[in-house]
Amino acid sequence: MADIFIGKAWHWGLLVIAFVLLGVVGVFYLHTYAFNLFTTICLAIGLVVVLAVVLTHKPGERITREPIEMPEE
């Protein structure tokens, strides 16, 4: 299963939390009467999840199927 579910367990927990938050936003039909707020919430959730995974990544750890190449300076 480790080959299928790449990443740390808390990464998957964060994904579940993001799904729950997006579900709650959908249940309140926020996208029908406050679309700008809905869009901002969705973008913020996505940004937080991506930043949490990328910024806590240590060099050499596998977080994607393909390696992330960092440019040389």
C-alpha atoms as a PDB file:
ATOM      1  CA  MET A   1       0.000   0.000   0.000  1.00  0.00           C
ATOM      2  CA  ALA A   2       2.951   2.342   0.539  1.00  0.00           C
ATOM      3  CA  ASP A   3       3.480   2.458  -3.229  1.00  0.00           C
ATOM      4  CA  ILE A   4      -0.106   3.626  -3.734  1.00  0.00           C
ATOM      5  CA  PHE A   5      -0.429   6.081  -0.826  1.00  0.00           C
ATOM      6  CA  ILE A   6       2.705   8.174  -1.153  1.00  0.00           C
ATOM      7  CA  GLY A   7       3.355  10.698   1.589  1.00  0.00           C
ATOM      8  CA  LYS A   8       2.982  10.973   5.313  1.00  0.00           C
ATOM      9  CA  ALA A   9      -0.194  10.018   7.142  1.00  0.00           C
ATOM     10  CA  TRP A  10      -0.854  13.610   8.167  1.00  0.00           C
ATOM     11  CA  HIS A  11      -0.810  14.600   4.476  1.00  0.00           C
ATOM     12  CA  TRP A  12      -3.740  12.255   3.941  1.00  0.00           C
ATOM     13  CA  GLY A  13      -5.416  13.592   7.074  1.00  0.00           C
ATOM     14  CA  LEU A  14      -5.030  17.110   5.721  1.00  0.00           C
ATOM     15  CA  LEU A  15      -6.667  15.990   2.478  1.00  0.00           C
ATOM     16  CA  VAL A  16      -9.611  14.533   4.398  1.00  0.00           C
ATOM     17  CA  ILE A  17      -9.973  17.797   6.354  1.00  0.00           C
ATOM     18  CA  ALA A  18      -9.914  19.756   3.092  1.00  0.00           C
ATOM     19  CA  PHE A  19     -12.648  17.523   1.639  1.00  0.00           C
ATOM     20  CA  VAL A  20     -14.781  17.987   4.754  1.00  0.00           C
ATOM     21  CA  LEU A  21     -14.356  21.775   4.646  1.00  0.00           C
ATOM     22  CA  LEU A  22     -15.234  21.884   0.950  1.00  0.00           C
ATOM     23  CA  GLY A  23     -18.255  19.680   1.641  1.00  0.00           C
ATOM     24  CA  VAL A  24     -19.451  22.022   4.385  1.00  0.00           C
ATOM     25  CA  VAL A  25     -19.076  24.995   2.048  1.00  0.00           C
ATOM     26  CA  GLY A  26     -21.121  23.099  -0.553  1.00  0.00           C
ATOM     27  CA  VAL A  27     -23.845  22.105   1.909  1.00  0.00           C
ATOM     28  CA  PHE A  28     -24.434  25.770   2.726  1.00  0.00           C
ATOM     29  CA  TYR A  29     -24.815  26.518  -1.028  1.00  0.00           C
ATOM     30  CA  LEU A  30     -22.284  29.292  -0.678  1.00  0.00           C
ATOM     31  CA  HIS A  31     -21.524  29.043  -4.387  1.00  0.00           C
ATOM     32  CA  THR A  32     -25.055  30.228  -5.237  1.00  0.00           C
ATOM     33  CA  TYR A  33     -25.225  33.482  -3.290  1.00  0.00           C
ATOM     34  CA  ALA A  34     -21.632  34.424  -2.381  1.00  0.00           C
ATOM     35  CA  PHE A  35     -19.526  33.155  -5.255  1.00  0.00           C
ATOM     36  CA  ASN A  36     -16.544  35.396  -4.551  1.00  0.00           C
ATOM     37  CA  LEU A  37     -16.366  34.164  -0.951  1.00  0.00           C
ATOM     38  CA  PHE A  38     -16.788  30.570  -2.143  1.00  0.00           C
ATOM     39  CA  THR A  39     -13.940  30.970  -4.633  1.00  0.00           C
ATOM     40  CA  THR A  40     -11.692  32.561  -2.016  1.00  0.00           C
ATOM     41  CA  ILE A  41     -12.361  29.749   0.457  1.00  0.00           C
ATOM     42  CA  CYS A  42     -11.647  27.074  -2.165  1.00  0.00           C
ATOM     43  CA  LEU A  43      -8.412  28.740  -3.260  1.00  0.00           C
ATOM     44  CA  ALA A  44      -7.298  29.240   0.356  1.00  0.00           C
ATOM     45  CA  ILE A  45      -7.928  25.580   1.223  1.00  0.00           C
ATOM     46  CA  GLY A  46      -5.980  24.457  -1.844  1.00  0.00           C
ATOM     47  CA  LEU A  47      -3.123  26.840  -1.106  1.00  0.00           C
ATOM     48  CA  VAL A  48      -2.853  25.716   2.517  1.00  0.00           C
ATOM     49  CA  VAL A  49      -2.794  22.033   1.556  1.00  0.00           C
ATOM     50  CA  VAL A  50      -0.170  22.478  -1.171  1.00  0.00           C
ATOM     51  CA  LEU A  51       2.044  24.715   0.973  1.00  0.00           C
ATOM     52  CA  ALA A  52       1.796  22.352   3.944  1.00  0.00           C
ATOM     53  CA  VAL A  53       3.014  19.437   1.842  1.00  0.00           C
ATOM     54  CA  VAL A  54       5.705  21.275  -0.130  1.00  0.00           C
ATOM     55  CA  LEU A  55       7.159  23.387   2.699  1.00  0.00           C
ATOM     56  CA  THR A  56       7.450  20.458   5.133  1.00  0.00           C
ATOM     57  CA  HIS A  57       9.060  18.243   2.503  1.00  0.00           C
ATOM     58  CA  LYS A  58      12.673  17.290   3.193  1.00  0.00           C
ATOM     59  CA  PRO A  59      15.077  16.776   0.286  1.00  0.00           C
ATOM     60  CA  GLY A  60      15.071  13.153  -0.745  1.00  0.00           C
ATOM     61  CA  GLU A  61      11.555  12.429   0.546  1.00  0.00           C
ATOM     62  CA  ARG A  62       9.081  11.118  -1.953  1.00  0.00           C
ATOM     63  CA  ILE A  63       5.876  13.184  -2.097  1.00  0.00           C
ATOM     64  CA  THR A  64       4.986  12.629  -5.753  1.00  0.00           C
ATOM     65  CA  ARG A  65       5.377   9.733  -8.152  1.00  0.00           C
ATOM     66  CA  GLU A  66       7.834  11.792 -10.196  1.00  0.00           C
ATOM     67  CA  PRO A  67      10.685  13.610  -8.441  1.00  0.00           C
ATOM     68  CA  ILE A  68      10.415  17.377  -8.026  1.00  0.00           C
ATOM     69  CA  GLU A  69      13.530  18.899  -9.548  1.00  0.00           C
ATOM     70  CA  MET A  70      14.797  22.042  -7.854  1.00  0.00           C
ATOM     71  CA  PRO A  71      16.736  24.443 -10.114  1.00  0.00           C
ATOM     72  CA  GLU A  72      20.381  24.943  -9.323  1.00  0.00           C
ATOM     73  CA  GLU A  73      21.415  28.493  -8.447  1.00  0.00           C
END
